[in-house]
Amino acid sequence: MRHVISVLLENESGALSRVAGLFSARSFNIESLSVAPSEDLSTSRMTIVTSGNDQVIEQIIKQLDKLLDVIEVSEITSNEHIEREIAFVKINNENIDDKMMEKFSKNEFLKIHKTKNSEIIIECVDSPQKINDFLESVKNIAIKIVRSGAVGINSN
C-alpha cells in the first residue's frame, strides 16, 4: 500500500543522505521525495512516498525517528490529509485543437504558459490520481512531462 511520510529535520549537512541511506540499506523503495524549508528556517520538511504493509511502514517510521537530525516523523495517509503534486507538460500548439484548449482553460487545476517557439506548457497542480488522469489524457501529444514528488499535510 502507498504511504506518505512527513519528516521534520534539522537543516544539517548530510541529513538528506542519512534518510536516503536508511531506505537504501533496508531495500525500501522511495517512490518520490520532496524537501523544502519549513516554517522554521533551521528545519526542513521532507515528504517521502513509499509502499509497504503497515508493519514495514511502522519499522520505517521508528528507524527514521532514531536518526540524529530527525525532529518529528508522521505517516499522514492514515488520517485525513491533503496531498498535491505538480506536473508540467510541454505540447506543440499544432497538436491542440480549439475544443481541447477551451477544456484546459476552464479547468481550475490547470494553468497554460505560452512559449516563444509554438509550444505551450500546461501546469497541473492536483492530487496524484488526478495528475495521473490528466497525464493519461495528454500522453499522445506531450513532447515532455516533468512531475514533482508529492507534498501533504494532515487536515484534522
Protein backbone atom coordinates (compact mmCIF):
# COMPACT_ATOMS: atom_id res chain seq x y z
CA MET A 1 0.00 0.00 0.00
CA ARG A 2 1.15 3.54 -0.78
CA HIS A 3 2.11 5.74 2.21
CA VAL A 4 3.15 9.36 2.60
CA ILE A 5 5.60 10.04 5.43
CA SER A 6 6.34 13.56 6.63
CA VAL A 7 9.72 14.15 8.30
CA LEU A 8 10.78 17.35 10.04
CA LEU A 9 14.56 17.51 10.27
CA GLU A 10 17.38 19.88 11.11
CA ASN A 11 18.98 21.76 8.20
CA GLU A 12 22.29 19.98 8.61
CA SER A 13 24.73 18.77 6.00
CA GLY A 14 24.16 15.10 5.24
CA ALA A 15 20.66 14.85 6.76
CA LEU A 16 19.02 14.00 3.43
CA SER A 17 21.77 11.50 2.69
CA ARG A 18 21.19 9.72 6.01
CA VAL A 19 17.45 9.41 5.35
CA ALA A 20 18.01 8.10 1.82
CA GLY A 21 20.69 5.75 3.17
CA LEU A 22 18.25 4.30 5.68
CA PHE A 23 15.87 3.39 2.84
CA SER A 24 18.67 2.03 0.67
CA ALA A 25 20.25 -0.09 3.41
CA ARG A 26 16.95 -1.80 4.13
CA SER A 27 15.91 -2.17 0.47
CA PHE A 28 12.88 0.11 0.88
CA ASN A 29 11.88 1.96 -2.26
CA ILE A 30 11.30 5.71 -2.31
CA GLU A 31 8.65 6.49 -4.94
CA SER A 32 9.04 10.24 -4.52
CA LEU A 33 10.93 12.60 -2.28
CA SER A 34 10.37 16.31 -1.75
CA VAL A 35 12.33 18.55 0.61
CA ALA A 36 11.91 22.26 1.35
CA PRO A 37 12.41 24.69 4.23
CA SER A 38 9.69 24.60 6.88
CA GLU A 39 8.12 27.41 8.88
CA ASP A 40 11.34 27.45 10.97
CA LEU A 41 14.37 28.31 8.82
CA SER A 42 16.58 25.95 10.85
CA THR A 43 14.48 22.94 9.78
CA SER A 44 13.22 21.34 6.58
CA ARG A 45 10.13 19.28 5.83
CA MET A 46 10.76 16.11 3.86
CA THR A 47 7.84 14.29 2.26
CA ILE A 48 8.54 10.68 1.31
CA VAL A 49 6.17 8.48 -0.70
CA THR A 50 6.85 4.77 -0.28
CA SER A 51 5.00 1.46 -0.36
CA GLY A 52 4.70 -1.33 2.15
CA ASN A 53 2.40 -3.03 4.59
CA ASP A 54 1.65 -1.48 7.97
CA GLN A 55 4.48 -3.37 9.70
CA VAL A 56 7.07 -2.17 7.17
CA ILE A 57 5.86 1.44 7.46
CA GLU A 58 5.92 1.22 11.26
CA GLN A 59 9.52 -0.03 11.05
CA ILE A 60 10.49 2.79 8.66
CA ILE A 61 8.96 5.41 10.98
CA LYS A 62 10.75 4.01 14.05
CA GLN A 63 14.08 3.92 12.22
CA LEU A 64 13.63 7.44 10.82
CA ASP A 65 12.79 8.70 14.32
CA LYS A 66 16.14 7.35 15.59
CA LEU A 67 18.19 9.38 13.09
CA LEU A 68 20.21 12.18 14.64
CA ASP A 69 18.80 15.14 12.65
CA VAL A 70 15.16 14.00 12.68
CA ILE A 71 12.83 16.02 14.92
CA GLU A 72 9.45 14.53 14.05
CA VAL A 73 8.09 11.75 11.82
CA SER A 74 4.47 11.08 10.90
CA GLU A 75 2.67 8.88 8.40
CA ILE A 76 -0.04 11.17 7.04
CA THR A 77 -2.02 8.89 4.72
CA SER A 78 -3.69 7.04 7.60
CA ASN A 79 -5.52 10.26 8.60
CA GLU A 80 -7.48 12.94 6.76
CA HIS A 81 -4.93 14.82 4.68
CA ILE A 82 -4.40 16.97 1.63
CA GLU A 83 -1.84 15.79 -0.89
CA ARG A 84 -0.69 17.54 -4.05
CA GLU A 85 1.83 17.20 -6.86
CA ILE A 86 2.72 19.43 -9.76
CA ALA A 87 3.26 18.39 -13.36
CA PHE A 88 4.39 20.38 -16.37
CA VAL A 89 3.51 19.12 -19.84
CA LYS A 90 5.04 20.65 -22.96
CA ILE A 91 2.84 20.35 -26.06
CA ASN A 92 3.21 21.64 -29.61
CA ASN A 93 0.42 24.14 -30.44
CA GLU A 94 -0.34 22.23 -33.65
CA ASN A 95 -1.42 19.20 -31.57
CA ILE A 96 -4.13 21.07 -29.65
CA ASP A 97 -7.47 21.91 -31.20
CA ASP A 98 -9.72 24.75 -30.00
CA LYS A 99 -12.04 22.40 -28.12
CA MET A 100 -9.16 20.89 -26.14
CA MET A 101 -7.67 24.33 -25.41
CA GLU A 102 -11.03 25.54 -24.13
CA LYS A 103 -11.31 22.48 -21.88
CA PHE A 104 -7.81 23.13 -20.49
CA SER A 105 -8.59 26.83 -19.94
CA LYS A 106 -11.72 26.06 -17.93
CA ASN A 107 -10.02 23.57 -15.60
CA GLU A 108 -9.20 25.33 -12.32
CA PHE A 109 -6.24 22.99 -11.69
CA LEU A 110 -4.53 23.79 -15.00
CA LYS A 111 -2.58 26.86 -15.99
CA ILE A 112 -1.37 27.45 -19.53
CA HIS A 113 2.00 29.06 -20.21
CA LYS A 114 2.80 30.18 -23.77
CA THR A 115 6.34 29.82 -25.07
CA LYS A 116 8.16 31.64 -27.85
CA ASN A 117 8.51 28.58 -30.07
CA SER A 118 4.93 27.48 -30.90
CA GLU A 119 4.61 25.30 -27.84
CA ILE A 120 2.62 25.60 -24.65
CA ILE A 121 3.42 24.33 -21.21
CA ILE A 122 0.48 23.19 -19.12
CA GLU A 123 0.92 23.35 -15.37
CA CYS A 124 -1.25 20.96 -13.37
CA VAL A 125 -1.44 21.06 -9.56
CA ASP A 126 -3.70 18.41 -8.10
CA SER A 127 -3.89 15.09 -6.25
CA PRO A 128 -1.64 12.30 -7.56
CA GLN A 129 -4.63 10.43 -9.03
CA LYS A 130 -5.92 13.50 -10.88
CA ILE A 131 -2.39 14.16 -12.16
CA ASN A 132 -2.28 10.57 -13.43
CA ASP A 133 -5.64 11.04 -15.16
CA PHE A 134 -4.51 14.30 -16.77
CA LEU A 135 -1.21 12.82 -17.96
CA GLU A 136 -3.05 9.84 -19.43
CA SER A 137 -5.28 12.23 -21.40
CA VAL A 138 -2.32 14.08 -22.97
CA LYS A 139 0.25 11.30 -23.30
CA ASN A 140 -0.15 11.04 -27.09
CA ILE A 141 0.53 14.74 -27.68
CA ALA A 142 3.05 15.51 -24.92
CA ILE A 143 6.57 16.43 -26.01
CA LYS A 144 7.91 16.40 -22.46
CA ILE A 145 6.48 15.69 -19.00
CA VAL A 146 8.09 16.85 -15.75
CA ARG A 147 6.50 15.82 -12.46
CA SER A 148 7.29 16.64 -8.84
CA GLY A 149 7.05 14.46 -5.79
CA ALA A 150 4.06 14.66 -3.51
CA VAL A 151 3.67 17.03 -0.60
CA GLY A 152 1.00 16.65 2.02
CA ILE A 153 -0.37 17.80 5.34
CA ASN A 154 -2.85 16.37 7.82
CA SER A 155 -6.14 18.25 7.64
CA ASN A 156 -7.55 17.35 11.04
